[in-house]
Amino acid sequence: RHLPVDLANLGIPAIYAFTEPDPNAIAFVSDDAGGARLAVEH
């Protein structure tokens, strides 16, 4: 889910973390599939 605001073209850098990013932005998220693998493999 994207935050209810447009952070593109602000003239300053914007980074996304644990939320849906704008197109062509930089974002960081957790690897949910990898985390599930850890649990089931355990």
Full PDB file with SEQRES, HELIX, SHEET, SSBOND, CRYST1, ORIGX, SCALE, CONECT and MASTER records, all heavy atoms in Angstrom:
SEQRES   1 A   42  ARG HIS LEU PRO VAL ASP LEU ALA ASN LEU GLY ILE PRO          
SEQRES   2 A   42  ALA ILE TYR ALA PHE THR GLU PRO ASP PRO ASN ALA ILE          
SEQRES   3 A   42  ALA PHE VAL SER ASP ASP ALA GLY GLY ALA ARG LEU ALA          
SEQRES   4 A   42  VAL GLU HIS                                                  
HELIX    1 AA1 ASP A   32  GLU A   41  1                                  10    
SHEET    1 AA1 2 ILE A  15  ALA A  17  0                                        
SHEET    2 AA1 2 ILE A  26  PHE A  28  1                                        
CRYST1    1.000    1.000    1.000  90.00  90.00  90.00 P 1           1          
ORIGX1      1.000000  0.000000  0.000000        0.00000                         
ORIGX2      0.000000  1.000000  0.000000        0.00000                         
ORIGX3      0.000000  0.000000  1.000000        0.00000                         
SCALE1      1.000000  0.000000  0.000000        0.00000                         
SCALE2      0.000000  1.000000  0.000000        0.00000                         
SCALE3      0.000000  0.000000  1.000000        0.00000                         
ATOM      1  N   ARG A   1       0.847  -1.188   0.000  1.00  0.00           N  
ATOM      2  CA  ARG A   1       0.000   0.000   0.000  1.00  0.00           C  
ATOM      3  C   ARG A   1       0.883   1.238   0.000  1.00  0.00           C  
ATOM      4  O   ARG A   1       1.827   1.349   0.774  1.00  0.00           O  
ATOM      5  CB  ARG A   1      -0.922   0.038   1.222  1.00  0.00           C  
ATOM      6  CG  ARG A   1      -2.052  -0.978   1.178  1.00  0.00           C  
ATOM      7  CD  ARG A   1      -3.083  -0.632   0.116  1.00  0.00           C  
ATOM      8  NE  ARG A   1      -4.211  -1.550   0.153  1.00  0.00           N  
ATOM      9  CZ  ARG A   1      -4.276  -2.715  -0.466  1.00  0.00           C  
ATOM     10  NH1 ARG A   1      -3.228  -3.136  -1.169  1.00  0.00           N  
ATOM     11  NH2 ARG A   1      -5.343  -3.494  -0.391  1.00  0.00           N  
ATOM     12  N   HIS A   2       0.541   2.171  -0.885  1.00  0.00           N  
ATOM     13  CA  HIS A   2       1.308   3.407  -1.009  1.00  0.00           C  
ATOM     14  C   HIS A   2       0.806   4.418   0.024  1.00  0.00           C  
ATOM     15  O   HIS A   2      -0.388   4.478   0.318  1.00  0.00           O  
ATOM     16  CB  HIS A   2       1.134   3.968  -2.422  1.00  0.00           C  
ATOM     17  CG  HIS A   2       2.156   4.978  -2.820  1.00  0.00           C  
ATOM     18  ND1 HIS A   2       2.124   6.277  -2.370  1.00  0.00           N  
ATOM     19  CD2 HIS A   2       3.254   4.885  -3.622  1.00  0.00           C  
ATOM     20  CE1 HIS A   2       3.139   6.939  -2.887  1.00  0.00           C  
ATOM     21  NE2 HIS A   2       3.844   6.109  -3.636  1.00  0.00           N  
ATOM     22  N   LEU A   3       1.719   5.204   0.586  1.00  0.00           N  
ATOM     23  CA  LEU A   3       1.280   6.294   1.453  1.00  0.00           C  
ATOM     24  C   LEU A   3       0.428   7.269   0.653  1.00  0.00           C  
ATOM     25  O   LEU A   3       0.631   7.432  -0.560  1.00  0.00           O  
ATOM     26  CB  LEU A   3       2.485   7.024   2.053  1.00  0.00           C  
ATOM     27  CG  LEU A   3       3.340   6.285   3.077  1.00  0.00           C  
ATOM     28  CD1 LEU A   3       4.358   7.235   3.699  1.00  0.00           C  
ATOM     29  CD2 LEU A   3       2.498   5.657   4.170  1.00  0.00           C  
ATOM     30  N   PRO A   4      -0.517   7.957   1.301  1.00  0.00           N  
ATOM     31  CA  PRO A   4      -1.443   8.822   0.570  1.00  0.00           C  
ATOM     32  C   PRO A   4      -0.836  10.171   0.180  1.00  0.00           C  
ATOM     33  O   PRO A   4      -1.421  11.234   0.426  1.00  0.00           O  
ATOM     34  CB  PRO A   4      -2.598   9.004   1.564  1.00  0.00           C  
ATOM     35  CG  PRO A   4      -1.939   8.938   2.899  1.00  0.00           C  
ATOM     36  CD  PRO A   4      -0.845   7.909   2.748  1.00  0.00           C  
ATOM     37  N   VAL A   5       0.349  10.141  -0.427  1.00  0.00           N  
ATOM     38  CA  VAL A   5       1.003  11.393  -0.825  1.00  0.00           C  
ATOM     39  C   VAL A   5       2.027  11.074  -1.912  1.00  0.00           C  
ATOM     40  O   VAL A   5       2.605   9.985  -1.934  1.00  0.00           O  
ATOM     41  CB  VAL A   5       1.686  12.066   0.388  1.00  0.00           C  
ATOM     42  CG1 VAL A   5       2.846  11.225   0.913  1.00  0.00           C  
ATOM     43  CG2 VAL A   5       2.141  13.480   0.053  1.00  0.00           C  
ATOM     44  N   ASP A   6       2.231  12.019  -2.810  1.00  0.00           N  
ATOM     45  CA  ASP A   6       3.184  11.855  -3.906  1.00  0.00           C  
ATOM     46  C   ASP A   6       4.522  12.454  -3.496  1.00  0.00           C  
ATOM     47  O   ASP A   6       4.616  13.652  -3.216  1.00  0.00           O  
ATOM     48  CB  ASP A   6       2.644  12.557  -5.159  1.00  0.00           C  
ATOM     49  CG  ASP A   6       3.542  12.354  -6.376  1.00  0.00           C  
ATOM     50  OD1 ASP A   6       4.512  11.581  -6.262  1.00  0.00           O  
ATOM     51  OD2 ASP A   6       3.255  12.961  -7.415  1.00  0.00           O  
ATOM     52  N   LEU A   7       5.562  11.619  -3.460  1.00  0.00           N  
ATOM     53  CA  LEU A   7       6.892  12.088  -3.058  1.00  0.00           C  
ATOM     54  C   LEU A   7       7.833  12.235  -4.249  1.00  0.00           C  
ATOM     55  O   LEU A   7       9.016  12.510  -4.078  1.00  0.00           O  
ATOM     56  CB  LEU A   7       7.506  11.117  -2.037  1.00  0.00           C  
ATOM     57  CG  LEU A   7       6.730  10.934  -0.731  1.00  0.00           C  
ATOM     58  CD1 LEU A   7       7.462   9.958   0.180  1.00  0.00           C  
ATOM     59  CD2 LEU A   7       6.509  12.263  -0.036  1.00  0.00           C  
ATOM     60  N   ALA A   8       7.288  12.068  -5.440  1.00  0.00           N  
ATOM     61  CA  ALA A   8       8.113  12.241  -6.644  1.00  0.00           C  
ATOM     62  C   ALA A   8       8.282  13.724  -6.962  1.00  0.00           C  
ATOM     63  O   ALA A   8       7.424  14.547  -6.648  1.00  0.00           O  
ATOM     64  CB  ALA A   8       7.459  11.526  -7.828  1.00  0.00           C  
ATOM     65  N   ASN A   9       9.403  14.074  -7.544  1.00  0.00           N  
ATOM     66  CA  ASN A   9       9.674  15.440  -8.027  1.00  0.00           C  
ATOM     67  C   ASN A   9       9.614  16.496  -6.930  1.00  0.00           C  
ATOM     68  O   ASN A   9       9.164  17.628  -7.153  1.00  0.00           O  
ATOM     69  CB  ASN A   9       8.678  15.813  -9.141  1.00  0.00           C  
ATOM     70  CG  ASN A   9       8.703  14.825 -10.283  1.00  0.00           C  
ATOM     71  OD1 ASN A   9       9.767  14.440 -10.758  1.00  0.00           O  
ATOM     72  ND2 ASN A   9       7.518  14.395 -10.719  1.00  0.00           N  
ATOM     73  N   LEU A  10      10.077  16.127  -5.723  1.00  0.00           N  
ATOM     74  CA  LEU A  10      10.122  17.108  -4.633  1.00  0.00           C  
ATOM     75  C   LEU A  10      11.400  17.941  -4.659  1.00  0.00           C  
ATOM     76  O   LEU A  10      11.506  18.944  -3.959  1.00  0.00           O  
ATOM     77  CB  LEU A  10      10.024  16.397  -3.274  1.00  0.00           C  
ATOM     78  CG  LEU A  10       8.708  15.702  -2.945  1.00  0.00           C  
ATOM     79  CD1 LEU A  10       8.797  15.075  -1.552  1.00  0.00           C  
ATOM     80  CD2 LEU A  10       7.540  16.668  -3.023  1.00  0.00           C  
ATOM     81  N   GLY A  11      12.374  17.480  -5.423  1.00  0.00           N  
ATOM     82  CA  GLY A  11      13.653  18.184  -5.445  1.00  0.00           C  
ATOM     83  C   GLY A  11      14.620  17.699  -4.394  1.00  0.00           C  
ATOM     84  O   GLY A  11      15.741  18.202  -4.287  1.00  0.00           O  
ATOM     85  N   ILE A  12      14.199  16.719  -3.566  1.00  0.00           N  
ATOM     86  CA  ILE A  12      15.076  16.108  -2.562  1.00  0.00           C  
ATOM     87  C   ILE A  12      14.910  14.590  -2.665  1.00  0.00           C  
ATOM     88  O   ILE A  12      13.892  14.098  -3.149  1.00  0.00           O  
ATOM     89  CB  ILE A  12      14.748  16.573  -1.127  1.00  0.00           C  
ATOM     90  CG1 ILE A  12      13.290  16.239  -0.779  1.00  0.00           C  
ATOM     91  CG2 ILE A  12      15.032  18.049  -0.953  1.00  0.00           C  
ATOM     92  CD1 ILE A  12      12.943  16.521   0.675  1.00  0.00           C  
ATOM     93  N   PRO A  13      15.902  13.830  -2.216  1.00  0.00           N  
ATOM     94  CA  PRO A  13      15.790  12.371  -2.310  1.00  0.00           C  
ATOM     95  C   PRO A  13      14.669  11.811  -1.428  1.00  0.00           C  
ATOM     96  O   PRO A  13      14.399  12.330  -0.341  1.00  0.00           O  
ATOM     97  CB  PRO A  13      17.158  11.884  -1.811  1.00  0.00           C  
ATOM     98  CG  PRO A  13      18.070  13.051  -1.926  1.00  0.00           C  
ATOM     99  CD  PRO A  13      17.221  14.257  -1.710  1.00  0.00           C  
ATOM    100  N   ALA A  14      14.032  10.752  -1.909  1.00  0.00           N  
ATOM    101  CA  ALA A  14      13.027  10.030  -1.131  1.00  0.00           C  
ATOM    102  C   ALA A  14      13.317   8.539  -1.230  1.00  0.00           C  
ATOM    103  O   ALA A  14      13.537   8.010  -2.315  1.00  0.00           O  
ATOM    104  CB  ALA A  14      11.622  10.333  -1.631  1.00  0.00           C  
ATOM    105  N   ILE A  15      13.332   7.879  -0.082  1.00  0.00           N  
ATOM    106  CA  ILE A  15      13.571   6.445  -0.002  1.00  0.00           C  
ATOM    107  C   ILE A  15      12.338   5.793   0.628  1.00  0.00           C  
ATOM    108  O   ILE A  15      11.724   6.358   1.539  1.00  0.00           O  
ATOM    109  CB  ILE A  15      14.806   6.138   0.877  1.00  0.00           C  
ATOM    110  CG1 ILE A  15      16.076   6.694   0.251  1.00  0.00           C  
ATOM    111  CG2 ILE A  15      14.939   4.638   1.129  1.00  0.00           C  
ATOM    112  CD1 ILE A  15      16.607   5.904  -0.911  1.00  0.00           C  
ATOM    113  N   TYR A  16      11.991   4.599   0.157  1.00  0.00           N  
ATOM    114  CA  TYR A  16      10.848   3.871   0.695  1.00  0.00           C  
ATOM    115  C   TYR A  16      11.335   2.652   1.465  1.00  0.00           C  
ATOM    116  O   TYR A  16      12.245   1.954   1.027  1.00  0.00           O  
ATOM    117  CB  TYR A  16       9.908   3.436  -0.430  1.00  0.00           C  
ATOM    118  CG  TYR A  16       9.264   4.600  -1.140  1.00  0.00           C  
ATOM    119  CD1 TYR A  16       9.957   5.325  -2.117  1.00  0.00           C  
ATOM    120  CD2 TYR A  16       7.974   5.011  -0.817  1.00  0.00           C  
ATOM    121  CE1 TYR A  16       9.378   6.407  -2.755  1.00  0.00           C  
ATOM    122  CE2 TYR A  16       7.382   6.089  -1.452  1.00  0.00           C  
ATOM    123  CZ  TYR A  16       8.092   6.785  -2.427  1.00  0.00           C  
ATOM    124  OH  TYR A  16       7.514   7.855  -3.049  1.00  0.00           O  
ATOM    125  N   ALA A  17      10.710   2.401   2.613  1.00  0.00           N  
ATOM    126  CA  ALA A  17      11.082   1.245   3.431  1.00  0.00           C  
ATOM    127  C   ALA A  17       9.815   0.662   4.042  1.00  0.00           C  
ATOM    128  O   ALA A  17       9.082   1.348   4.755  1.00  0.00           O  
ATOM    129  CB  ALA A  17      12.055   1.661   4.535  1.00  0.00           C  
ATOM    130  N   PHE A  18       9.550  -0.590   3.722  1.00  0.00           N  
ATOM    131  CA  PHE A  18       8.381  -1.291   4.235  1.00  0.00           C  
ATOM    132  C   PHE A  18       7.077  -0.602   3.826  1.00  0.00           C  
ATOM    133  O   PHE A  18       6.130  -0.476   4.603  1.00  0.00           O  
ATOM    134  CB  PHE A  18       8.439  -1.434   5.768  1.00  0.00           C  
ATOM    135  CG  PHE A  18       7.639  -2.601   6.288  1.00  0.00           C  
ATOM    136  CD1 PHE A  18       8.126  -3.889   6.180  1.00  0.00           C  
ATOM    137  CD2 PHE A  18       6.404  -2.413   6.878  1.00  0.00           C  
ATOM    138  CE1 PHE A  18       7.379  -4.965   6.648  1.00  0.00           C  
ATOM    139  CE2 PHE A  18       5.656  -3.484   7.344  1.00  0.00           C  
ATOM    140  CZ  PHE A  18       6.142  -4.774   7.228  1.00  0.00           C  
ATOM    141  N   THR A  19       7.034  -0.125   2.593  1.00  0.00           N  
ATOM    142  CA  THR A  19       5.805   0.422   2.019  1.00  0.00           C  
ATOM    143  C   THR A  19       5.957   0.404   0.506  1.00  0.00           C  
ATOM    144  O   THR A  19       7.078   0.298  -0.002  1.00  0.00           O  
ATOM    145  CB  THR A  19       5.527   1.851   2.529  1.00  0.00           C  
ATOM    146  OG1 THR A  19       4.196   2.234   2.196  1.00  0.00           O  
ATOM    147  CG2 THR A  19       6.503   2.861   1.934  1.00  0.00           C  
ATOM    148  N   GLU A  20       4.846   0.513  -0.220  1.00  0.00           N  
ATOM    149  CA  GLU A  20       4.914   0.466  -1.679  1.00  0.00           C  
ATOM    150  C   GLU A  20       5.563   1.744  -2.215  1.00  0.00           C  
ATOM    151  O   GLU A  20       5.139   2.845  -1.871  1.00  0.00           O  
ATOM    152  CB  GLU A  20       3.516   0.305  -2.274  1.00  0.00           C  
ATOM    153  CG  GLU A  20       3.518   0.130  -3.782  1.00  0.00           C  
ATOM    154  CD  GLU A  20       2.122  -0.068  -4.356  1.00  0.00           C  
ATOM    155  OE1 GLU A  20       1.143   0.281  -3.667  1.00  0.00           O  
ATOM    156  OE2 GLU A  20       2.023  -0.564  -5.483  1.00  0.00           O  
ATOM    157  N   PRO A  21       6.579   1.625  -3.072  1.00  0.00           N  
ATOM    158  CA  PRO A  21       7.288   2.815  -3.557  1.00  0.00           C  
ATOM    159  C   PRO A  21       6.639   3.422  -4.793  1.00  0.00           C  
ATOM    160  O   PRO A  21       5.798   2.801  -5.446  1.00  0.00           O  
ATOM    161  CB  PRO A  21       8.668   2.259  -3.908  1.00  0.00           C  
ATOM    162  CG  PRO A  21       8.376   0.856  -4.358  1.00  0.00           C  
ATOM    163  CD  PRO A  21       7.234   0.380  -3.499  1.00  0.00           C  
ATOM    164  N   ASP A  22       7.051   4.645  -5.109  1.00  0.00           N  
ATOM    165  CA  ASP A  22       6.732   5.231  -6.407  1.00  0.00           C  
ATOM    166  C   ASP A  22       7.501   4.481  -7.482  1.00  0.00           C  
ATOM    167  O   ASP A  22       8.545   3.869  -7.200  1.00  0.00           O  
ATOM    168  CB  ASP A  22       7.161   6.713  -6.443  1.00  0.00           C  
ATOM    169  CG  ASP A  22       6.195   7.607  -5.677  1.00  0.00           C  
ATOM    170  OD1 ASP A  22       4.996   7.300  -5.682  1.00  0.00           O  
ATOM    171  OD2 ASP A  22       6.652   8.608  -5.085  1.00  0.00           O  
ATOM    172  N   PRO A  23       7.041   4.529  -8.728  1.00  0.00           N  
ATOM    173  CA  PRO A  23       7.835   3.939  -9.820  1.00  0.00           C  
ATOM    174  C   PRO A  23       9.213   4.601  -9.902  1.00  0.00           C  
ATOM    175  O   PRO A  23       9.353   5.799  -9.645  1.00  0.00           O  
ATOM    176  CB  PRO A  23       6.993   4.241 -11.062  1.00  0.00           C  
ATOM    177  CG  PRO A  23       5.603   4.441 -10.559  1.00  0.00           C  
ATOM    178  CD  PRO A  23       5.753   5.069  -9.200  1.00  0.00           C  
ATOM    179  N   ASN A  24      10.224   3.812 -10.211  1.00  0.00           N  
ATOM    180  CA  ASN A  24      11.598   4.306 -10.380  1.00  0.00           C  
ATOM    181  C   ASN A  24      12.200   4.874  -9.100  1.00  0.00           C  
ATOM    182  O   ASN A  24      13.126   5.686  -9.145  1.00  0.00           O  
ATOM    183  CB  ASN A  24      11.656   5.365 -11.484  1.00  0.00           C  
ATOM    184  CG  ASN A  24      11.201   4.820 -12.823  1.00  0.00           C  
ATOM    185  OD1 ASN A  24      11.574   3.711 -13.197  1.00  0.00           O  
ATOM    186  ND2 ASN A  24      10.375   5.583 -13.530  1.00  0.00           N  
ATOM    187  N   ALA A  25      11.659   4.449  -7.954  1.00  0.00           N  
ATOM    188  CA  ALA A  25      12.227   4.876  -6.673  1.00  0.00           C  
ATOM    189  C   ALA A  25      13.061   3.745  -6.081  1.00  0.00           C  
ATOM    190  O   ALA A  25      13.097   2.626  -6.599  1.00  0.00           O  
ATOM    191  CB  ALA A  25      11.112   5.259  -5.707  1.00  0.00           C  
ATOM    192  N   ILE A  26      13.745   4.043  -4.991  1.00  0.00           N  
ATOM    193  CA  ILE A  26      14.526   3.042  -4.258  1.00  0.00           C  
ATOM    194  C   ILE A  26      13.714   2.611  -3.046  1.00  0.00           C  
ATOM    195  O   ILE A  26      13.206   3.448  -2.298  1.00  0.00           O  
ATOM    196  CB  ILE A  26      15.874   3.616  -3.817  1.00  0.00           C  
ATOM    197  CG1 ILE A  26      16.720   3.989  -5.037  1.00  0.00           C  
ATOM    198  CG2 ILE A  26      16.629   2.622  -2.933  1.00  0.00           C  
ATOM    199  CD1 ILE A  26      17.992   4.722  -4.694  1.00  0.00           C  
ATOM    200  N   ALA A  27      13.573   1.296  -2.862  1.00  0.00           N  
ATOM    201  CA  ALA A  27      12.772   0.797  -1.752  1.00  0.00           C  
ATOM    202  C   ALA A  27      13.469  -0.384  -1.085  1.00  0.00           C  
ATOM    203  O   ALA A  27      14.212  -1.137  -1.729  1.00  0.00           O  
ATOM    204  CB  ALA A  27      11.385   0.380  -2.231  1.00  0.00           C  
ATOM    205  N   PHE A  28      13.218  -0.535   0.208  1.00  0.00           N  
ATOM    206  CA  PHE A  28      13.746  -1.648   0.987  1.00  0.00           C  
ATOM    207  C   PHE A  28      12.580  -2.375   1.653  1.00  0.00           C  
ATOM    208  O   PHE A  28      11.737  -1.747   2.296  1.00  0.00           O  
ATOM    209  CB  PHE A  28      14.720  -1.151   2.062  1.00  0.00           C  
ATOM    210  CG  PHE A  28      15.978  -0.552   1.502  1.00  0.00           C  
ATOM    211  CD1 PHE A  28      16.024   0.793   1.132  1.00  0.00           C  
ATOM    212  CD2 PHE A  28      17.122  -1.328   1.345  1.00  0.00           C  
ATOM    213  CE1 PHE A  28      17.185   1.348   0.610  1.00  0.00           C  
ATOM    214  CE2 PHE A  28      18.285  -0.772   0.821  1.00  0.00           C  
ATOM    215  CZ  PHE A  28      18.317   0.567   0.458  1.00  0.00           C  
ATOM    216  N   VAL A  29      12.525  -3.693   1.482  1.00  0.00           N  
ATOM    217  CA  VAL A  29      11.493  -4.510   2.112  1.00  0.00           C  
ATOM    218  C   VAL A  29      12.129  -5.782   2.657  1.00  0.00           C  
ATOM    219  O   VAL A  29      13.238  -6.162   2.263  1.00  0.00           O  
ATOM    220  CB  VAL A  29      10.356  -4.880   1.131  1.00  0.00           C  
ATOM    221  CG1 VAL A  29       9.640  -3.638   0.622  1.00  0.00           C  
ATOM    222  CG2 VAL A  29      10.891  -5.721  -0.022  1.00  0.00           C  
ATOM    223  N   SER A  30      11.424  -6.446   3.561  1.00  0.00           N  
ATOM    224  CA  SER A  30      11.888  -7.728   4.071  1.00  0.00           C  
ATOM    225  C   SER A  30      11.559  -8.823   3.062  1.00  0.00           C  
ATOM    226  O   SER A  30      10.565  -8.737   2.329  1.00  0.00           O  
ATOM    227  CB  SER A  30      11.206  -8.033   5.410  1.00  0.00           C  
ATOM    228  OG  SER A  30      11.525  -7.053   6.367  1.00  0.00           O  
ATOM    229  N   ASP A  31      12.376  -9.836   3.029  1.00  0.00           N  
ATOM    230  CA  ASP A  31      12.153 -10.976   2.136  1.00  0.00           C  
ATOM    231  C   ASP A  31      11.171 -11.934   2.808  1.00  0.00           C  
ATOM    232  O   ASP A  31      11.557 -12.868   3.510  1.00  0.00           O  
ATOM    233  CB  ASP A  31      13.488 -11.675   1.847  1.00  0.00           C  
ATOM    234  CG  ASP A  31      13.340 -12.834   0.870  1.00  0.00           C  
ATOM    235  OD1 ASP A  31      12.209 -13.101   0.428  1.00  0.00           O  
ATOM    236  OD2 ASP A  31      14.363 -13.469   0.560  1.00  0.00           O  
ATOM    237  N   ASP A  32       9.871 -11.713   2.588  1.00  0.00           N  
ATOM    238  CA  ASP A  32       8.843 -12.509   3.259  1.00  0.00           C  
ATOM    239  C   ASP A  32       8.897 -13.972   2.845  1.00  0.00           C  
ATOM    240  O   ASP A  32       8.725 -14.871   3.686  1.00  0.00           O  
ATOM    241  CB  ASP A  32       7.460 -11.923   2.953  1.00  0.00           C  
ATOM    242  CG  ASP A  32       7.192 -10.685   3.765  1.00  0.00           C  
ATOM    243  OD1 ASP A  32       6.740 -10.816   4.915  1.00  0.00           O  
ATOM    244  OD2 ASP A  32       7.446  -9.575   3.270  1.00  0.00           O  
ATOM    245  N   ALA A  33       9.119 -14.222   1.569  1.00  0.00           N  
ATOM    246  CA  ALA A  33       9.210 -15.607   1.112  1.00  0.00           C  
ATOM    247  C   ALA A  33      10.398 -16.305   1.762  1.00  0.00           C  
ATOM    248  O   ALA A  33      10.303 -17.457   2.202  1.00  0.00           O  
ATOM    249  CB  ALA A  33       9.330 -15.649  -0.408  1.00  0.00           C  
ATOM    250  N   GLY A  34      11.513 -15.615   1.839  1.00  0.00           N  
ATOM    251  CA  GLY A  34      12.687 -16.185   2.497  1.00  0.00           C  
ATOM    252  C   GLY A  34      12.440 -16.455   3.967  1.00  0.00           C  
ATOM    253  O   GLY A  34      12.891 -17.471   4.513  1.00  0.00           O  
ATOM    254  N   GLY A  35      11.715 -15.541   4.630  1.00  0.00           N  
ATOM    255  CA  GLY A  35      11.387 -15.751   6.038  1.00  0.00           C  
ATOM    256  C   GLY A  35      10.500 -16.964   6.239  1.00  0.00           C  
ATOM    257  O   GLY A  35      10.690 -17.751   7.181  1.00  0.00           O  
ATOM    258  N   ALA A  36       9.506 -17.141   5.351  1.00  0.00           N  
ATOM    259  CA  ALA A  36       8.630 -18.309   5.441  1.00  0.00           C  
ATOM    260  C   ALA A  36       9.430 -19.593   5.232  1.00  0.00           C  
ATOM    261  O   ALA A  36       9.198 -20.613   5.906  1.00  0.00           O  
ATOM    262  CB  ALA A  36       7.517 -18.197   4.405  1.00  0.00           C  
ATOM    263  N   ARG A  37      10.376 -19.548   4.314  1.00  0.00           N  
ATOM    264  CA  ARG A  37      11.236 -20.720   4.083  1.00  0.00           C  
ATOM    265  C   ARG A  37      11.993 -21.101   5.358  1.00  0.00           C  
ATOM    266  O   ARG A  37      12.118 -22.282   5.687  1.00  0.00           O  
ATOM    267  CB  ARG A  37      12.236 -20.428   2.973  1.00  0.00           C  
ATOM    268  CG  ARG A  37      11.707 -20.713   1.579  1.00  0.00           C  
ATOM    269  CD  ARG A  37      12.818 -20.651   0.531  1.00  0.00           C  
ATOM    270  NE  ARG A  37      12.382 -21.344  -0.676  1.00  0.00           N  
ATOM    271  CZ  ARG A  37      12.508 -22.637  -0.887  1.00  0.00           C  
ATOM    272  NH1 ARG A  37      13.082 -23.399   0.025  1.00  0.00           N  
ATOM    273  NH2 ARG A  37      12.080 -23.197  -2.007  1.00  0.00           N  
ATOM    274  N   LEU A  38      12.514 -20.102   6.055  1.00  0.00           N  
ATOM    275  CA  LEU A  38      13.245 -20.383   7.289  1.00  0.00           C  
ATOM    276  C   LEU A  38      12.374 -21.162   8.266  1.00  0.00           C  
ATOM    277  O   LEU A  38      12.826 -22.118   8.910  1.00  0.00           O  
ATOM    278  CB  LEU A  38      13.701 -19.077   7.945  1.00  0.00           C  
ATOM    279  CG  LEU A  38      14.802 -18.278   7.249  1.00  0.00           C  
ATOM    280  CD1 LEU A  38      15.026 -16.958   7.981  1.00  0.00           C  
ATOM    281  CD2 LEU A  38      16.097 -19.075   7.187  1.00  0.00           C  
ATOM    282  N   ALA A  39      11.110 -20.745   8.390  1.00  0.00           N  
ATOM    283  CA  ALA A  39      10.203 -21.384   9.345  1.00  0.00           C  
ATOM    284  C   ALA A  39       9.882 -22.824   8.946  1.00  0.00           C  
ATOM    285  O   ALA A  39       9.998 -23.750   9.761  1.00  0.00           O  
ATOM    286  CB  ALA A  39       8.916 -20.565   9.449  1.00  0.00           C  
ATOM    287  N   VAL A  40       9.489 -23.028   7.688  1.00  0.00           N  
ATOM    288  CA  VAL A  40       9.063 -24.362   7.256  1.00  0.00           C  
ATOM    289  C   VAL A  40      10.260 -25.316   7.192  1.00  0.00           C  
ATOM    290  O   VAL A  40      10.154 -26.496   7.575  1.00  0.00           O  
ATOM    291  CB  VAL A  40       8.338 -24.279   5.895  1.00  0.00           C  
ATOM    292  CG1 VAL A  40       7.826 -25.657   5.493  1.00  0.00           C  
ATOM    293  CG2 VAL A  40       7.164 -23.295   5.970  1.00  0.00           C  
ATOM    294  N   GLU A  41      11.406 -24.821   6.751  1.00  0.00           N  
ATOM    295  CA  GLU A  41      12.608 -25.670   6.728  1.00  0.00           C  
ATOM    296  C   GLU A  41      13.027 -26.070   8.137  1.00  0.00           C  
ATOM    297  O   GLU A  41      13.527 -27.186   8.364  1.00  0.00           O  
ATOM    298  CB  GLU A  41      13.738 -24.945   6.012  1.00  0.00           C  
ATOM    299  CG  GLU A  41      13.542 -24.862   4.495  1.00  0.00           C  
ATOM    300  CD  GLU A  41      14.562 -23.962   3.815  1.00  0.00           C  
ATOM    301  OE1 GLU A  41      15.331 -23.275   4.541  1.00  0.00           O  
ATOM    302  OE2 GLU A  41      14.594 -23.941   2.565  1.00  0.00           O  
ATOM    303  N   HIS A  42      12.811 -25.186   9.101  1.00  0.00           N  
ATOM    304  CA  HIS A  42      13.124 -25.510  10.494  1.00  0.00           C  
ATOM    305  C   HIS A  42      12.243 -26.663  10.973  1.00  0.00           C  
ATOM    306  O   HIS A  42      12.723 -27.612  11.617  1.00  0.00           O  
ATOM    307  CB  HIS A  42      12.914 -24.273  11.364  1.00  0.00           C  
ATOM    308  CG  HIS A  42      13.322 -24.462  12.796  1.00  0.00           C  
ATOM    309  ND1 HIS A  42      14.631 -24.488  13.210  1.00  0.00           N  
ATOM    310  CD2 HIS A  42      12.579 -24.654  13.920  1.00  0.00           C  
ATOM    311  CE1 HIS A  42      14.693 -24.674  14.526  1.00  0.00           C  
ATOM    312  NE2 HIS A  42      13.452 -24.782  14.978  1.00  0.00           N  
TER     313      HIS A  42                                                      
MASTER        0    0    0    1    2    0    0    6  312    1    0    4          
END                                                                             
